[in-house]
């Protein structure tokens, strides 16, 4: 199975491989890349980032679905369909109450 290249642009450039059967979070962690995350289920929003380029699929609809629309995704609930560029600095972290 072909792995895609995922490049984190900000806050610092990091590059990792991610298979289409893995979430972006799993690919990053397997590659030794530290990324923000908390619950791993799309509920806490800590892993929220912006997709700058590339295609993806959301695995499930997070409880806070209004915070993961368009080019905003949670890396714990997103799988790559192509090479991707993502950024953590282009989005404001959600600081509201957890559900």
C-alpha atoms as a PDB file:
ATOM      1  CA  UNK A   1       0.000   0.000   0.000  1.00  0.00           C
ATOM      2  CA  UNK A   2       1.391   3.367  -1.033  1.00  0.00           C
ATOM      3  CA  UNK A   3       2.092   5.827   1.746  1.00  0.00           C
ATOM      4  CA  UNK A   4       1.435   9.514   1.241  1.00  0.00           C
ATOM      5  CA  UNK A   5       3.758  12.313   2.324  1.00  0.00           C
ATOM      6  CA  UNK A   6       2.257  14.672   4.884  1.00  0.00           C
ATOM      7  CA  UNK A   7       4.055  17.933   5.525  1.00  0.00           C
ATOM      8  CA  UNK A   8       3.276  20.058   8.568  1.00  0.00           C
ATOM      9  CA  UNK A   9       4.055  23.642   7.540  1.00  0.00           C
ATOM     10  CA  UNK A  10       3.635  25.461  10.851  1.00  0.00           C
ATOM     11  CA  UNK A  11       4.600  25.989  13.583  1.00  0.00           C
ATOM     12  CA  UNK A  12       7.692  24.184  12.219  1.00  0.00           C
ATOM     13  CA  UNK A  13       8.189  22.040   9.141  1.00  0.00           C
ATOM     14  CA  UNK A  14       7.875  18.318   9.822  1.00  0.00           C
ATOM     15  CA  UNK A  15       7.403  15.568   7.236  1.00  0.00           C
ATOM     16  CA  UNK A  16       6.021  12.079   7.750  1.00  0.00           C
ATOM     17  CA  UNK A  17       4.534   9.201   5.790  1.00  0.00           C
ATOM     18  CA  UNK A  18       0.961   8.088   6.259  1.00  0.00           C
ATOM     19  CA  UNK A  19      -0.815   5.169   4.639  1.00  0.00           C
ATOM     20  CA  UNK A  20      -4.411   5.591   3.464  1.00  0.00           C
ATOM     21  CA  UNK A  21      -5.512   3.072   6.115  1.00  0.00           C
ATOM     22  CA  UNK A  22      -4.031   5.222   8.917  1.00  0.00           C
ATOM     23  CA  UNK A  23      -5.200   8.439  10.485  1.00  0.00           C
ATOM     24  CA  UNK A  24      -2.873  11.395  10.192  1.00  0.00           C
ATOM     25  CA  UNK A  25      -2.323  11.094  13.940  1.00  0.00           C
ATOM     26  CA  UNK A  26      -1.293   7.435  13.690  1.00  0.00           C
ATOM     27  CA  UNK A  27       1.042   8.179  10.783  1.00  0.00           C
ATOM     28  CA  UNK A  28       2.708  11.040  12.639  1.00  0.00           C
ATOM     29  CA  UNK A  29       3.158   9.081  15.860  1.00  0.00           C
ATOM     30  CA  UNK A  30       4.445   6.003  14.009  1.00  0.00           C
ATOM     31  CA  UNK A  31       7.010   8.260  12.309  1.00  0.00           C
ATOM     32  CA  UNK A  32       8.109   9.728  15.646  1.00  0.00           C
ATOM     33  CA  UNK A  33       6.518  13.114  14.949  1.00  0.00           C
ATOM     34  CA  UNK A  34       4.900  14.838  17.908  1.00  0.00           C
ATOM     35  CA  UNK A  35       1.619  16.556  17.096  1.00  0.00           C
ATOM     36  CA  UNK A  36      -1.020  18.037  19.394  1.00  0.00           C
ATOM     37  CA  UNK A  37      -3.745  15.593  20.405  1.00  0.00           C
ATOM     38  CA  UNK A  38      -5.775  14.564  23.403  1.00  0.00           C
ATOM     39  CA  UNK A  39      -8.680  12.142  23.185  1.00  0.00           C
ATOM     40  CA  UNK A  40      -7.946  10.510  19.808  1.00  0.00           C
ATOM     41  CA  UNK A  41     -11.669  10.498  18.983  1.00  0.00           C
ATOM     42  CA  UNK A  42     -12.412  14.005  17.632  1.00  0.00           C
ATOM     43  CA  UNK A  43     -14.012  15.272  20.824  1.00  0.00           C
ATOM     44  CA  UNK A  44     -11.372  17.415  22.517  1.00  0.00           C
ATOM     45  CA  UNK A  45     -10.340  19.387  19.367  1.00  0.00           C
ATOM     46  CA  UNK A  46      -6.677  19.567  20.411  1.00  0.00           C
ATOM     47  CA  UNK A  47      -5.554  18.017  17.121  1.00  0.00           C
ATOM     48  CA  UNK A  48      -7.462  20.502  14.991  1.00  0.00           C
ATOM     49  CA  UNK A  49      -5.509  21.791  12.001  1.00  0.00           C
ATOM     50  CA  UNK A  50      -6.028  23.267   8.549  1.00  0.00           C
ATOM     51  CA  UNK A  51      -5.464  21.308   5.344  1.00  0.00           C
ATOM     52  CA  UNK A  52      -3.569  23.647   3.037  1.00  0.00           C
ATOM     53  CA  UNK A  53      -3.344  21.173   0.183  1.00  0.00           C
ATOM     54  CA  UNK A  54      -4.396  17.596  -0.469  1.00  0.00           C
ATOM     55  CA  UNK A  55      -7.417  15.368  -0.344  1.00  0.00           C
ATOM     56  CA  UNK A  56      -8.639  13.491   2.703  1.00  0.00           C
ATOM     57  CA  UNK A  57     -11.496  11.547   4.177  1.00  0.00           C
ATOM     58  CA  UNK A  58     -13.041  12.063   7.609  1.00  0.00           C
ATOM     59  CA  UNK A  59     -13.571   8.765   9.404  1.00  0.00           C
ATOM     60  CA  UNK A  60     -16.385   9.905  11.630  1.00  0.00           C
ATOM     61  CA  UNK A  61     -18.185  13.066  12.571  1.00  0.00           C
ATOM     62  CA  UNK A  62     -16.643  14.494  15.750  1.00  0.00           C
ATOM     63  CA  UNK A  63     -18.965  15.592  18.526  1.00  0.00           C
ATOM     64  CA  UNK A  64     -17.841  19.156  17.838  1.00  0.00           C
ATOM     65  CA  UNK A  65     -18.586  18.822  14.115  1.00  0.00           C
ATOM     66  CA  UNK A  66     -18.893  22.550  13.589  1.00  0.00           C
ATOM     67  CA  UNK A  67     -15.163  22.835  14.297  1.00  0.00           C
ATOM     68  CA  UNK A  68     -14.163  20.285  11.629  1.00  0.00           C
ATOM     69  CA  UNK A  69     -15.621  21.549   8.379  1.00  0.00           C
ATOM     70  CA  UNK A  70     -14.161  22.488   5.037  1.00  0.00           C
ATOM     71  CA  UNK A  71     -10.398  22.532   5.310  1.00  0.00           C
ATOM     72  CA  UNK A  72     -10.390  22.233   9.126  1.00  0.00           C
ATOM     73  CA  UNK A  73      -9.826  18.648  10.292  1.00  0.00           C
ATOM     74  CA  UNK A  74      -8.938  16.668  13.372  1.00  0.00           C
ATOM     75  CA  UNK A  75      -5.821  14.577  12.647  1.00  0.00           C
ATOM     76  CA  UNK A  76      -7.186  11.761  14.815  1.00  0.00           C
ATOM     77  CA  UNK A  77     -10.216  11.366  12.521  1.00  0.00           C
ATOM     78  CA  UNK A  78      -8.691  12.040   9.099  1.00  0.00           C
ATOM     79  CA  UNK A  79      -7.020   9.749   6.570  1.00  0.00           C
ATOM     80  CA  UNK A  80      -5.036  10.965   3.541  1.00  0.00           C
ATOM     81  CA  UNK A  81      -6.140  10.287  -0.021  1.00  0.00           C
ATOM     82  CA  UNK A  82      -3.161  12.184  -1.509  1.00  0.00           C
ATOM     83  CA  UNK A  83       0.019  13.874  -0.325  1.00  0.00           C
ATOM     84  CA  UNK A  84      -0.959  16.647   2.079  1.00  0.00           C
ATOM     85  CA  UNK A  85       0.190  19.965   3.507  1.00  0.00           C
ATOM     86  CA  UNK A  86      -1.257  20.854   6.917  1.00  0.00           C
ATOM     87  CA  UNK A  87      -0.795  23.733   9.329  1.00  0.00           C
ATOM     88  CA  UNK A  88      -1.512  24.138  13.013  1.00  0.00           C
ATOM     89  CA  UNK A  89      -0.860  27.885  13.023  1.00  0.00           C
ATOM     90  CA  UNK A  90      -3.636  28.816  10.585  1.00  0.00           C
ATOM     91  CA  UNK A  91      -6.432  27.957  12.978  1.00  0.00           C
ATOM     92  CA  UNK A  92      -7.394  28.993  16.458  1.00  0.00           C
ATOM     93  CA  UNK A  93      -7.556  26.168  18.982  1.00  0.00           C
ATOM     94  CA  UNK A  94     -10.949  25.534  20.476  1.00  0.00           C
ATOM     95  CA  UNK A  95     -10.956  26.484  24.140  1.00  0.00           C
ATOM     96  CA  UNK A  96     -14.598  25.886  24.969  1.00  0.00           C
ATOM     97  CA  UNK A  97     -15.979  23.139  27.182  1.00  0.00           C
ATOM     98  CA  UNK A  98     -15.434  19.493  26.265  1.00  0.00           C
ATOM     99  CA  UNK A  99     -18.514  17.384  25.684  1.00  0.00           C
END
